C-alpha cells in the first residue's frame, strides 16, 4: 500500500455524519508509515458527489485517475484512520502526483498546518 493508492474500504456502520459503509478511499498517510508494522493507515474518503469539488480544499479526481467507474472528489474534511484489514488488498488505481499535490494542499488548508 502506498500514498496515493485508491482502495475500496469497509468503513463500518453509519454513525452521525461520519463516512460509513463500503466506499473508495485515498491513502494519504506517508509511505514510511505505510511500510511500517502499523496496523492502520490514514485515508481521505472519496465521494461521487462531484458538486463537493467546489468546497475549498477538496480535489476533483477523474475516473481515469482513480480506476473507479465514476469521477470522484477527495473530501479532505473526511479523513479516517482505518485498519488495513478493512481495505481491499489491491488498489483500483493510483492518483497521479500532480493531483496528489492538490490533495496535500487541501490537507494543509483543512488541518491548518504548514
PDB file of N, CA and C in Angstrom:
ATOM      1  N   UNK A   1       0.849  -1.172   0.000  1.00  0.00           N
ATOM      2  CA  UNK A   1       0.000   0.000   0.000  1.00  0.00           C
ATOM      3  C   UNK A   1       0.895   1.236   0.000  1.00  0.00           C
ATOM      4  N   UNK A   2       0.523   2.205  -0.819  1.00  0.00           N
ATOM      5  CA  UNK A   2       1.318   3.420  -0.955  1.00  0.00           C
ATOM      6  C   UNK A   2       0.429   4.654  -0.899  1.00  0.00           C
ATOM      7  N   UNK A   3       1.049   5.757  -0.501  1.00  0.00           N
ATOM      8  CA  UNK A   3       0.358   7.042  -0.537  1.00  0.00           C
ATOM      9  C   UNK A   3      -0.095   7.288  -1.978  1.00  0.00           C
ATOM     10  N   UNK A   4      -1.347   7.694  -2.143  1.00  0.00           N
ATOM     11  CA  UNK A   4      -1.886   7.941  -3.470  1.00  0.00           C
ATOM     12  C   UNK A   4      -2.691   6.791  -4.028  1.00  0.00           C
ATOM     13  N   UNK A   5      -2.617   5.618  -3.387  1.00  0.00           N
ATOM     14  CA  UNK A   5      -3.421   4.479  -3.838  1.00  0.00           C
ATOM     15  C   UNK A   5      -4.891   4.701  -3.506  1.00  0.00           C
ATOM     16  N   UNK A   6      -5.755   4.207  -4.380  1.00  0.00           N
ATOM     17  CA  UNK A   6      -7.200   4.224  -4.152  1.00  0.00           C
ATOM     18  C   UNK A   6      -7.633   2.790  -3.870  1.00  0.00           C
ATOM     19  N   UNK A   7      -8.301   2.599  -2.749  1.00  0.00           N
ATOM     20  CA  UNK A   7      -8.800   1.279  -2.350  1.00  0.00           C
ATOM     21  C   UNK A   7     -10.275   1.392  -2.001  1.00  0.00           C
ATOM     22  N   UNK A   8     -10.999   0.284  -2.126  1.00  0.00           N
ATOM     23  CA  UNK A   8     -12.324   0.183  -1.526  1.00  0.00           C
ATOM     24  C   UNK A   8     -12.111  -0.169  -0.068  1.00  0.00           C
ATOM     25  N   UNK A   9     -12.940   0.412   0.808  1.00  0.00           N
ATOM     26  CA  UNK A   9     -12.765   0.257   2.250  1.00  0.00           C
ATOM     27  C   UNK A   9     -14.117   0.060   2.924  1.00  0.00           C
ATOM     28  N   UNK A  10     -14.159  -0.836   3.877  1.00  0.00           N
ATOM     29  CA  UNK A  10     -15.356  -1.012   4.698  1.00  0.00           C
ATOM     30  C   UNK A  10     -15.226  -0.082   5.898  1.00  0.00           C
ATOM     31  N   UNK A  11     -15.988   0.999   5.896  1.00  0.00           N
ATOM     32  CA  UNK A  11     -15.925   1.997   6.968  1.00  0.00           C
ATOM     33  C   UNK A  11     -16.914   1.716   8.093  1.00  0.00           C
ATOM     34  N   UNK A  12     -17.567   0.569   8.055  1.00  0.00           N
ATOM     35  CA  UNK A  12     -18.453   0.187   9.148  1.00  0.00           C
ATOM     36  C   UNK A  12     -19.846   0.778   9.026  1.00  0.00           C
ATOM     37  N   UNK A  13     -20.570   0.653  10.122  1.00  0.00           N
ATOM     38  CA  UNK A  13     -21.962   1.106  10.171  1.00  0.00           C
ATOM     39  C   UNK A  13     -22.047   2.626  10.318  1.00  0.00           C
ATOM     40  N   UNK A  14     -23.100   3.226   9.770  1.00  0.00           N
ATOM     41  CA  UNK A  14     -23.265   4.680   9.890  1.00  0.00           C
ATOM     42  C   UNK A  14     -23.425   5.121  11.347  1.00  0.00           C
ATOM     43  N   UNK A  15     -22.809   6.253  11.650  1.00  0.00           N
ATOM     44  CA  UNK A  15     -22.937   6.863  12.973  1.00  0.00           C
ATOM     45  C   UNK A  15     -22.846   8.371  12.799  1.00  0.00           C
ATOM     46  N   UNK A  16     -23.954   9.056  12.975  1.00  0.00           N
ATOM     47  CA  UNK A  16     -23.960  10.507  12.791  1.00  0.00           C
ATOM     48  C   UNK A  16     -23.610  10.867  11.358  1.00  0.00           C
ATOM     49  N   UNK A  17     -22.715  11.839  11.206  1.00  0.00           N
ATOM     50  CA  UNK A  17     -22.333  12.312   9.874  1.00  0.00           C
ATOM     51  C   UNK A  17     -21.047  11.676   9.360  1.00  0.00           C
ATOM     52  N   UNK A  18     -20.477  10.754  10.124  1.00  0.00           N
ATOM     53  CA  UNK A  18     -19.211  10.135   9.725  1.00  0.00           C
ATOM     54  C   UNK A  18     -19.406   9.248   8.496  1.00  0.00           C
ATOM     55  N   UNK A  19     -18.391   9.195   7.631  1.00  0.00           N
ATOM     56  CA  UNK A  19     -18.481   8.306   6.472  1.00  0.00           C
ATOM     57  C   UNK A  19     -18.646   6.860   6.934  1.00  0.00           C
ATOM     58  N   UNK A  20     -19.429   6.093   6.192  1.00  0.00           N
ATOM     59  CA  UNK A  20     -19.693   4.714   6.586  1.00  0.00           C
ATOM     60  C   UNK A  20     -19.890   3.838   5.359  1.00  0.00           C
ATOM     61  N   UNK A  21     -20.068   2.580   5.620  1.00  0.00           N
ATOM     62  CA  UNK A  21     -20.313   1.553   4.600  1.00  0.00           C
ATOM     63  C   UNK A  21     -19.073   1.354   3.732  1.00  0.00           C
ATOM     64  N   UNK A  22     -19.239   0.667   2.633  1.00  0.00           N
ATOM     65  CA  UNK A  22     -18.127   0.376   1.712  1.00  0.00           C
ATOM     66  C   UNK A  22     -17.981   1.546   0.745  1.00  0.00           C
ATOM     67  N   UNK A  23     -16.812   2.177   0.784  1.00  0.00           N
ATOM     68  CA  UNK A  23     -16.562   3.370  -0.028  1.00  0.00           C
ATOM     69  C   UNK A  23     -15.125   3.355  -0.543  1.00  0.00           C
ATOM     70  N   UNK A  24     -14.884   4.075  -1.620  1.00  0.00           N
ATOM     71  CA  UNK A  24     -13.497   4.236  -2.054  1.00  0.00           C
ATOM     72  C   UNK A  24     -12.800   5.274  -1.173  1.00  0.00           C
ATOM     73  N   UNK A  25     -11.516   5.032  -0.944  1.00  0.00           N
ATOM     74  CA  UNK A  25     -10.704   5.945  -0.135  1.00  0.00           C
ATOM     75  C   UNK A  25      -9.356   6.146  -0.821  1.00  0.00           C
ATOM     76  N   UNK A  26      -8.724   7.253  -0.474  1.00  0.00           N
ATOM     77  CA  UNK A  26      -7.399   7.597  -0.981  1.00  0.00           C
ATOM     78  C   UNK A  26      -6.421   7.547   0.182  1.00  0.00           C
ATOM     79  N   UNK A  27      -5.369   6.752   0.060  1.00  0.00           N
ATOM     80  CA  UNK A  27      -4.358   6.671   1.119  1.00  0.00           C
ATOM     81  C   UNK A  27      -3.568   7.979   1.119  1.00  0.00           C
ATOM     82  N   UNK A  28      -3.568   8.681   2.273  1.00  0.00           N
ATOM     83  CA  UNK A  28      -2.840   9.949   2.386  1.00  0.00           C
ATOM     84  C   UNK A  28      -1.692   9.860   3.390  1.00  0.00           C
ATOM     85  N   UNK A  29      -1.600   8.762   4.105  1.00  0.00           N
ATOM     86  CA  UNK A  29      -0.517   8.583   5.077  1.00  0.00           C
ATOM     87  C   UNK A  29       0.819   8.449   4.338  1.00  0.00           C
ATOM     88  N   UNK A  30       1.880   8.989   4.921  1.00  0.00           N
ATOM     89  CA  UNK A  30       3.212   8.946   4.317  1.00  0.00           C
ATOM     90  C   UNK A  30       3.717   7.508   4.206  1.00  0.00           C
ATOM     91  N   UNK A  31       4.432   7.231   3.127  1.00  0.00           N
ATOM     92  CA  UNK A  31       4.885   5.869   2.850  1.00  0.00           C
ATOM     93  C   UNK A  31       5.753   5.234   3.937  1.00  0.00           C
ATOM     94  N   UNK A  32       6.637   5.966   4.626  1.00  0.00           N
ATOM     95  CA  UNK A  32       7.386   5.287   5.689  1.00  0.00           C
ATOM     96  C   UNK A  32       6.471   4.640   6.737  1.00  0.00           C
ATOM     97  N   UNK A  33       5.329   5.251   7.005  1.00  0.00           N
ATOM     98  CA  UNK A  33       4.371   4.668   7.950  1.00  0.00           C
ATOM     99  C   UNK A  33       3.594   3.528   7.291  1.00  0.00           C
ATOM    100  N   UNK A  34       3.295   3.673   6.002  1.00  0.00           N
ATOM    101  CA  UNK A  34       2.611   2.594   5.284  1.00  0.00           C
ATOM    102  C   UNK A  34       3.487   1.353   5.183  1.00  0.00           C
ATOM    103  N   UNK A  35       4.798   1.547   5.170  1.00  0.00           N
ATOM    104  CA  UNK A  35       5.740   0.431   5.057  1.00  0.00           C
ATOM    105  C   UNK A  35       6.119  -0.137   6.420  1.00  0.00           C
ATOM    106  N   UNK A  36       5.613   0.462   7.485  1.00  0.00           N
ATOM    107  CA  UNK A  36       5.944   0.016   8.841  1.00  0.00           C
ATOM    108  C   UNK A  36       5.018  -1.111   9.280  1.00  0.00           C
ATOM    109  N   UNK A  37       5.137  -1.485  10.531  1.00  0.00           N
ATOM    110  CA  UNK A  37       4.295  -2.541  11.092  1.00  0.00           C
ATOM    111  C   UNK A  37       2.967  -2.018  11.627  1.00  0.00           C
ATOM    112  N   UNK A  38       2.698  -0.736  11.442  1.00  0.00           N
ATOM    113  CA  UNK A  38       1.423  -0.197  11.896  1.00  0.00           C
ATOM    114  C   UNK A  38       0.274  -0.961  11.255  1.00  0.00           C
ATOM    115  N   UNK A  39      -0.751  -1.225  12.021  1.00  0.00           N
ATOM    116  CA  UNK A  39      -1.914  -1.957  11.508  1.00  0.00           C
ATOM    117  C   UNK A  39      -2.939  -1.021  10.875  1.00  0.00           C
ATOM    118  N   UNK A  40      -2.673   0.283  10.927  1.00  0.00           N
ATOM    119  CA  UNK A  40      -3.629   1.267  10.422  1.00  0.00           C
ATOM    120  C   UNK A  40      -2.977   2.157   9.367  1.00  0.00           C
ATOM    121  N   UNK A  41      -3.824   2.874   8.651  1.00  0.00           N
ATOM    122  CA  UNK A  41      -3.361   3.905   7.726  1.00  0.00           C
ATOM    123  C   UNK A  41      -4.393   5.034   7.728  1.00  0.00           C
ATOM    124  N   UNK A  42      -3.983   6.201   7.265  1.00  0.00           N
ATOM    125  CA  UNK A  42      -4.874   7.359   7.213  1.00  0.00           C
ATOM    126  C   UNK A  42      -5.334   7.546   5.773  1.00  0.00           C
ATOM    127  N   UNK A  43      -6.645   7.743   5.613  1.00  0.00           N
ATOM    128  CA  UNK A  43      -7.237   7.868   4.281  1.00  0.00           C
ATOM    129  C   UNK A  43      -8.141   9.092   4.212  1.00  0.00           C
ATOM    130  N   UNK A  44      -8.337   9.577   2.995  1.00  0.00           N
ATOM    131  CA  UNK A  44      -9.373  10.572   2.705  1.00  0.00           C
ATOM    132  C   UNK A  44     -10.480   9.833   1.972  1.00  0.00           C
ATOM    133  N   UNK A  45     -11.695  10.033   2.427  1.00  0.00           N
ATOM    134  CA  UNK A  45     -12.834   9.361   1.811  1.00  0.00           C
ATOM    135  C   UNK A  45     -13.149  10.029   0.472  1.00  0.00           C
ATOM    136  N   UNK A  46     -13.435   9.214  -0.532  1.00  0.00           N
ATOM    137  CA  UNK A  46     -13.819   9.716  -1.845  1.00  0.00           C
ATOM    138  C   UNK A  46     -15.332   9.670  -1.977  1.00  0.00           C
ATOM    139  N   UNK A  47     -15.866  10.604  -2.736  1.00  0.00           N
ATOM    140  CA  UNK A  47     -17.300  10.646  -2.990  1.00  0.00           C
ATOM    141  C   UNK A  47     -17.543  10.856  -4.477  1.00  0.00           C
ATOM    142  N   UNK A  48     -18.641  10.311  -4.973  1.00  0.00           N
ATOM    143  CA  UNK A  48     -19.009  10.548  -6.374  1.00  0.00           C
ATOM    144  C   UNK A  48     -19.856  11.813  -6.519  1.00  0.00           C
ATOM    145  N   UNK A  49     -20.113  12.503  -5.397  1.00  0.00           N
ATOM    146  CA  UNK A  49     -20.847  13.773  -5.424  1.00  0.00           C
ATOM    147  C   UNK A  49     -19.872  14.862  -5.864  1.00  0.00           C
ATOM    148  N   UNK A  50     -19.739  15.035  -7.173  1.00  0.00           N
ATOM    149  CA  UNK A  50     -18.726  15.953  -7.701  1.00  0.00           C
ATOM    150  C   UNK A  50     -19.011  17.417  -7.382  1.00  0.00           C
ATOM    151  N   UNK A  51     -20.214  17.734  -6.930  1.00  0.00           N
ATOM    152  CA  UNK A  51     -20.509  19.109  -6.506  1.00  0.00           C
ATOM    153  C   UNK A  51     -19.636  19.500  -5.317  1.00  0.00           C
ATOM    154  N   UNK A  52     -19.174  18.510  -4.547  1.00  0.00           N
ATOM    155  CA  UNK A  52     -18.321  18.806  -3.390  1.00  0.00           C
ATOM    156  C   UNK A  52     -16.933  19.292  -3.792  1.00  0.00           C
ATOM    157  N   UNK A  53     -16.601  19.211  -5.082  1.00  0.00           N
ATOM    158  CA  UNK A  53     -15.295  19.725  -5.519  1.00  0.00           C
ATOM    159  C   UNK A  53     -15.224  21.241  -5.374  1.00  0.00           C
ATOM    160  N   UNK A  54     -16.370  21.899  -5.230  1.00  0.00           N
ATOM    161  CA  UNK A  54     -16.398  23.353  -5.043  1.00  0.00           C
ATOM    162  C   UNK A  54     -15.986  23.755  -3.632  1.00  0.00           C
ATOM    163  N   UNK A  55     -15.983  22.810  -2.699  1.00  0.00           N
ATOM    164  CA  UNK A  55     -15.601  23.114  -1.317  1.00  0.00           C
ATOM    165  C   UNK A  55     -14.089  23.334  -1.260  1.00  0.00           C
ATOM    166  N   UNK A  56     -13.645  24.434  -0.654  1.00  0.00           N
ATOM    167  CA  UNK A  56     -12.209  24.721  -0.602  1.00  0.00           C
ATOM    168  C   UNK A  56     -11.417  23.551  -0.011  1.00  0.00           C
ATOM    169  N   UNK A  57     -10.380  23.159  -0.737  1.00  0.00           N
ATOM    170  CA  UNK A  57      -9.509  22.072  -0.293  1.00  0.00           C
ATOM    171  C   UNK A  57      -9.822  20.739  -0.941  1.00  0.00           C
ATOM    172  N   UNK A  58     -11.083  20.510  -1.295  1.00  0.00           N
ATOM    173  CA  UNK A  58     -11.440  19.247  -1.940  1.00  0.00           C
ATOM    174  C   UNK A  58     -10.877  19.207  -3.357  1.00  0.00           C
ATOM    175  N   UNK A  59     -10.639  17.992  -3.864  1.00  0.00           N
ATOM    176  CA  UNK A  59      -9.986  17.840  -5.164  1.00  0.00           C
ATOM    177  C   UNK A  59     -10.796  16.903  -6.062  1.00  0.00           C
ATOM    178  N   UNK A  60     -11.137  17.390  -7.252  1.00  0.00           N
ATOM    179  CA  UNK A  60     -11.816  16.573  -8.257  1.00  0.00           C
ATOM    180  C   UNK A  60     -10.831  15.548  -8.814  1.00  0.00           C
ATOM    181  N   UNK A  61     -11.265  14.288  -8.871  1.00  0.00           N
ATOM    182  CA  UNK A  61     -10.434  13.202  -9.396  1.00  0.00           C
ATOM    183  C   UNK A  61     -11.192  12.501 -10.525  1.00  0.00           C
ATOM    184  N   UNK A  62     -10.731  12.646 -11.767  1.00  0.00           N
ATOM    185  CA  UNK A  62     -11.413  11.960 -12.864  1.00  0.00           C
ATOM    186  C   UNK A  62     -11.312  10.445 -12.704  1.00  0.00           C
ATOM    187  N   UNK A  63     -12.323   9.740 -13.197  1.00  0.00           N
ATOM    188  CA  UNK A  63     -12.359   8.278 -13.073  1.00  0.00           C
ATOM    189  C   UNK A  63     -11.078   7.639 -13.609  1.00  0.00           C
ATOM    190  N   UNK A  64     -10.536   8.180 -14.677  1.00  0.00           N
ATOM    191  CA  UNK A  64      -9.316   7.618 -15.264  1.00  0.00           C
ATOM    192  C   UNK A  64      -8.132   7.677 -14.304  1.00  0.00           C
ATOM    193  N   UNK A  65      -8.161   8.606 -13.347  1.00  0.00           N
ATOM    194  CA  UNK A  65      -7.057   8.754 -12.397  1.00  0.00           C
ATOM    195  C   UNK A  65      -7.191   7.833 -11.191  1.00  0.00           C
ATOM    196  N   UNK A  66      -8.387   7.296 -10.969  1.00  0.00           N
ATOM    197  CA  UNK A  66      -8.614   6.505  -9.757  1.00  0.00           C
ATOM    198  C   UNK A  66      -8.886   5.035 -10.030  1.00  0.00           C
ATOM    199  N   UNK A  67      -9.248   4.715 -11.264  1.00  0.00           N
ATOM    200  CA  UNK A  67      -9.656   3.354 -11.572  1.00  0.00           C
ATOM    201  C   UNK A  67     -11.082   3.054 -11.153  1.00  0.00           C
ATOM    202  N   UNK A  68     -11.793   4.070 -10.689  1.00  0.00           N
ATOM    203  CA  UNK A  68     -13.187   3.901 -10.278  1.00  0.00           C
ATOM    204  C   UNK A  68     -14.108   4.103 -11.478  1.00  0.00           C
ATOM    205  N   UNK A  69     -15.334   3.606 -11.401  1.00  0.00           N
ATOM    206  CA  UNK A  69     -16.240   3.752 -12.538  1.00  0.00           C
ATOM    207  C   UNK A  69     -16.780   5.168 -12.738  1.00  0.00           C
ATOM    208  N   UNK A  70     -16.679   6.011 -11.707  1.00  0.00           N
ATOM    209  CA  UNK A  70     -17.211   7.377 -11.795  1.00  0.00           C
ATOM    210  C   UNK A  70     -16.144   8.383 -11.377  1.00  0.00           C
ATOM    211  N   UNK A  71     -16.294   9.619 -11.864  1.00  0.00           N
ATOM    212  CA  UNK A  71     -15.474  10.708 -11.348  1.00  0.00           C
ATOM    213  C   UNK A  71     -15.738  10.830  -9.853  1.00  0.00           C
ATOM    214  N   UNK A  72     -14.714  11.284  -9.113  1.00  0.00           N
ATOM    215  CA  UNK A  72     -14.834  11.375  -7.658  1.00  0.00           C
ATOM    216  C   UNK A  72     -14.242  12.680  -7.156  1.00  0.00           C
ATOM    217  N   UNK A  73     -14.439  12.906  -5.876  1.00  0.00           N
ATOM    218  CA  UNK A  73     -13.844  14.045  -5.182  1.00  0.00           C
ATOM    219  C   UNK A  73     -13.165  13.523  -3.927  1.00  0.00           C
ATOM    220  N   UNK A  74     -11.912  13.930  -3.723  1.00  0.00           N
ATOM    221  CA  UNK A  74     -11.230  13.639  -2.463  1.00  0.00           C
ATOM    222  C   UNK A  74     -11.734  14.662  -1.458  1.00  0.00           C
ATOM    223  N   UNK A  75     -12.462  14.174  -0.468  1.00  0.00           N
ATOM    224  CA  UNK A  75     -13.043  15.044   0.555  1.00  0.00           C
ATOM    225  C   UNK A  75     -12.038  15.159   1.696  1.00  0.00           C
ATOM    226  N   UNK A  76     -11.287  16.264   1.715  1.00  0.00           N
ATOM    227  CA  UNK A  76     -10.218  16.410   2.703  1.00  0.00           C
ATOM    228  C   UNK A  76     -10.738  16.686   4.110  1.00  0.00           C
ATOM    229  N   UNK A  77     -12.038  16.943   4.243  1.00  0.00           N
ATOM    230  CA  UNK A  77     -12.604  17.090   5.589  1.00  0.00           C
ATOM    231  C   UNK A  77     -13.123  15.758   6.109  1.00  0.00           C
ATOM    232  N   UNK A  78     -13.043  14.711   5.298  1.00  0.00           N
ATOM    233  CA  UNK A  78     -13.497  13.377   5.711  1.00  0.00           C
ATOM    234  C   UNK A  78     -12.297  12.443   5.745  1.00  0.00           C
ATOM    235  N   UNK A  79     -11.459  12.630   6.768  1.00  0.00           N
ATOM    236  CA  UNK A  79     -10.292  11.776   6.969  1.00  0.00           C
ATOM    237  C   UNK A  79     -10.648  10.681   7.958  1.00  0.00           C
ATOM    238  N   UNK A  80     -10.007   9.537   7.797  1.00  0.00           N
ATOM    239  CA  UNK A  80     -10.256   8.429   8.718  1.00  0.00           C
ATOM    240  C   UNK A  80      -8.968   7.641   8.907  1.00  0.00           C
ATOM    241  N   UNK A  81      -8.774   7.149  10.115  1.00  0.00           N
ATOM    242  CA  UNK A  81      -7.729   6.172  10.380  1.00  0.00           C
ATOM    243  C   UNK A  81      -8.408   4.818  10.342  1.00  0.00           C
ATOM    244  N   UNK A  82      -7.959   3.963   9.438  1.00  0.00           N
ATOM    245  CA  UNK A  82      -8.621   2.676   9.239  1.00  0.00           C
ATOM    246  C   UNK A  82      -7.633   1.534   9.420  1.00  0.00           C
ATOM    247  N   UNK A  83      -8.149   0.415   9.864  1.00  0.00           N
ATOM    248  CA  UNK A  83      -7.346  -0.796   9.935  1.00  0.00           C
ATOM    249  C   UNK A  83      -7.075  -1.269   8.512  1.00  0.00           C
ATOM    250  N   UNK A  84      -5.864  -1.664   8.263  1.00  0.00           N
ATOM    251  CA  UNK A  84      -5.513  -2.108   6.905  1.00  0.00           C
ATOM    252  C   UNK A  84      -6.380  -3.271   6.439  1.00  0.00           C
ATOM    253  N   UNK A  85      -6.852  -4.076   7.386  1.00  0.00           N
ATOM    254  CA  UNK A  85      -7.677  -5.231   7.011  1.00  0.00           C
ATOM    255  C   UNK A  85      -9.032  -4.802   6.442  1.00  0.00           C
ATOM    256  N   UNK A  86      -9.420  -3.537   6.644  1.00  0.00           N
ATOM    257  CA  UNK A  86     -10.696  -3.052   6.104  1.00  0.00           C
ATOM    258  C   UNK A  86     -10.574  -2.613   4.645  1.00  0.00           C
ATOM    259  N   UNK A  87      -9.339  -2.578   4.129  1.00  0.00           N
ATOM    260  CA  UNK A  87      -9.088  -2.178   2.740  1.00  0.00           C
ATOM    261  C   UNK A  87      -9.024  -3.400   1.833  1.00  0.00           C
ATOM    262  N   UNK A  88      -9.572  -3.274   0.627  1.00  0.00           N
ATOM    263  CA  UNK A  88      -9.357  -4.329  -0.363  1.00  0.00           C
ATOM    264  C   UNK A  88      -7.851  -4.475  -0.565  1.00  0.00           C
ATOM    265  N   UNK A  89      -7.362  -5.694  -0.752  1.00  0.00           N
ATOM    266  CA  UNK A  89      -5.910  -5.890  -0.831  1.00  0.00           C
ATOM    267  C   UNK A  89      -5.245  -5.255  -2.044  1.00  0.00           C
ATOM    268  N   UNK A  90      -5.999  -5.048  -3.119  1.00  0.00           N
ATOM    269  CA  UNK A  90      -5.404  -4.476  -4.325  1.00  0.00           C
ATOM    270  C   UNK A  90      -6.056  -3.134  -4.637  1.00  0.00           C
ATOM    271  N   UNK A  91      -5.236  -2.101  -4.893  1.00  0.00           N
ATOM    272  CA  UNK A  91      -5.812  -0.790  -5.224  1.00  0.00           C
ATOM    273  C   UNK A  91      -6.510  -0.815  -6.577  1.00  0.00           C
ATOM    274  N   UNK A  92      -7.510   0.054  -6.715  1.00  0.00           N
ATOM    275  CA  UNK A  92      -8.174   0.200  -8.019  1.00  0.00           C
ATOM    276  C   UNK A  92      -7.351   1.084  -8.940  1.00  0.00           C
ATOM    277  N   UNK A  93      -6.482   1.906  -8.351  1.00  0.00           N
ATOM    278  CA  UNK A  93      -5.655   2.811  -9.129  1.00  0.00           C
ATOM    279  C   UNK A  93      -4.773   3.617  -8.201  1.00  0.00           C
ATOM    280  N   UNK A  94      -4.004   4.513  -8.789  1.00  0.00           N
ATOM    281  CA  UNK A  94      -3.129   5.405  -8.028  1.00  0.00           C
ATOM    282  C   UNK A  94      -3.285   6.811  -8.594  1.00  0.00           C
ATOM    283  N   UNK A  95      -3.544   7.759  -7.723  1.00  0.00           N
ATOM    284  CA  UNK A  95      -3.751   9.150  -8.138  1.00  0.00           C
ATOM    285  C   UNK A  95      -2.416   9.734  -8.607  1.00  0.00           C
ATOM    286  N   UNK A  96      -2.385  10.368  -9.770  1.00  0.00           N
ATOM    287  CA  UNK A  96      -1.146  10.957 -10.284  1.00  0.00           C
ATOM    288  C   UNK A  96      -0.582  12.021  -9.335  1.00  0.00           C
ATOM    289  N   UNK A  97       0.735  12.201  -9.412  1.00  0.00           N
ATOM    290  CA  UNK A  97       1.422  13.095  -8.474  1.00  0.00           C
ATOM    291  C   UNK A  97       0.885  14.522  -8.517  1.00  0.00           C
ATOM    292  N   UNK A  98       0.503  15.038  -9.692  1.00  0.00           N
ATOM    293  CA  UNK A  98       0.015  16.423  -9.741  1.00  0.00           C
ATOM    294  C   UNK A  98      -1.306  16.565  -8.976  1.00  0.00           C
ATOM    295  N   UNK A  99      -2.145  15.531  -8.990  1.00  0.00           N
ATOM    296  CA  UNK A  99      -3.390  15.592  -8.215  1.00  0.00           C
ATOM    297  C   UNK A  99      -3.127  15.350  -6.731  1.00  0.00           C
ATOM    298  N   UNK A 100      -2.131  14.508  -6.418  1.00  0.00           N
ATOM    299  CA  UNK A 100      -1.783  14.306  -5.002  1.00  0.00           C
ATOM    300  C   UNK A 100      -1.265  15.604  -4.396  1.00  0.00           C
ATOM    301  N   UNK A 101      -0.546  16.402  -5.170  1.00  0.00           N
ATOM    302  CA  UNK A 101      -0.083  17.699  -4.650  1.00  0.00           C
ATOM    303  C   UNK A 101      -1.280  18.588  -4.319  1.00  0.00           C
ATOM    304  N   UNK A 102      -2.328  18.536  -5.133  1.00  0.00           N
ATOM    305  CA  UNK A 102      -3.544  19.300  -4.825  1.00  0.00           C
ATOM    306  C   UNK A 102      -4.194  18.783  -3.542  1.00  0.00           C
ATOM    307  N   UNK A 103      -4.233  17.463  -3.382  1.00  0.00           N
ATOM    308  CA  UNK A 103      -4.784  16.875  -2.152  1.00  0.00           C
ATOM    309  C   UNK A 103      -3.955  17.332  -0.954  1.00  0.00           C
ATOM    310  N   UNK A 104      -2.636  17.319  -1.084  1.00  0.00           N
ATOM    311  CA  UNK A 104      -1.763  17.767   0.006  1.00  0.00           C
ATOM    312  C   UNK A 104      -2.045  19.220   0.375  1.00  0.00           C
ATOM    313  N   UNK A 105      -2.230  20.077  -0.627  1.00  0.00           N
ATOM    314  CA  UNK A 105      -2.568  21.479  -0.345  1.00  0.00           C
ATOM    315  C   UNK A 105      -3.913  21.568   0.381  1.00  0.00           C
ATOM    316  N   UNK A 106      -4.856  20.733  -0.014  1.00  0.00           N
ATOM    317  CA  UNK A 106      -6.147  20.698   0.667  1.00  0.00           C
ATOM    318  C   UNK A 106      -6.017  20.260   2.113  1.00  0.00           C
ATOM    319  N   UNK A 107      -5.162  19.265   2.369  1.00  0.00           N
ATOM    320  CA  UNK A 107      -4.946  18.796   3.742  1.00  0.00           C
ATOM    321  C   UNK A 107      -4.301  19.887   4.593  1.00  0.00           C
ATOM    322  N   UNK A 108      -3.320  20.581   4.021  1.00  0.00           N
ATOM    323  CA  UNK A 108      -2.685  21.690   4.743  1.00  0.00           C
ATOM    324  C   UNK A 108      -3.735  22.732   5.108  1.00  0.00           C
ATOM    325  N   UNK A 109      -4.603  23.026   4.178  1.00  0.00           N
ATOM    326  CA  UNK A 109      -5.645  24.040   4.406  1.00  0.00           C
ATOM    327  C   UNK A 109      -6.609  23.614   5.510  1.00  0.00           C
ATOM    328  N   UNK A 110      -7.139  22.401   5.401  1.00  0.00           N
ATOM    329  CA  UNK A 110      -8.167  21.971   6.350  1.00  0.00           C
ATOM    330  C   UNK A 110      -7.589  21.676   7.739  1.00  0.00           C
ATOM    331  N   UNK A 111      -6.328  21.242   7.798  1.00  0.00           N
ATOM    332  CA  UNK A 111      -5.715  20.936   9.091  1.00  0.00           C
ATOM    333  C   UNK A 111      -5.011  22.146   9.705  1.00  0.00           C
ATOM    334  N   UNK A 112      -4.851  23.209   8.923  1.00  0.00           N
ATOM    335  CA  UNK A 112      -4.216  24.416   9.450  1.00  0.00           C
ATOM    336  C   UNK A 112      -2.746  24.223   9.763  1.00  0.00           C
ATOM    337  N   UNK A 113      -2.058  23.423   8.949  1.00  0.00           N
ATOM    338  CA  UNK A 113      -0.631  23.177   9.159  1.00  0.00           C
ATOM    339  C   UNK A 113       0.157  23.741   7.988  1.00  0.00           C
ATOM    340  N   UNK A 114       1.445  23.908   8.194  1.00  0.00           N
ATOM    341  CA  UNK A 114       2.306  24.309   7.084  1.00  0.00           C
ATOM    342  C   UNK A 114       2.572  25.737   6.969  1.00  0.00           C
TER     343      UNK A 114
END
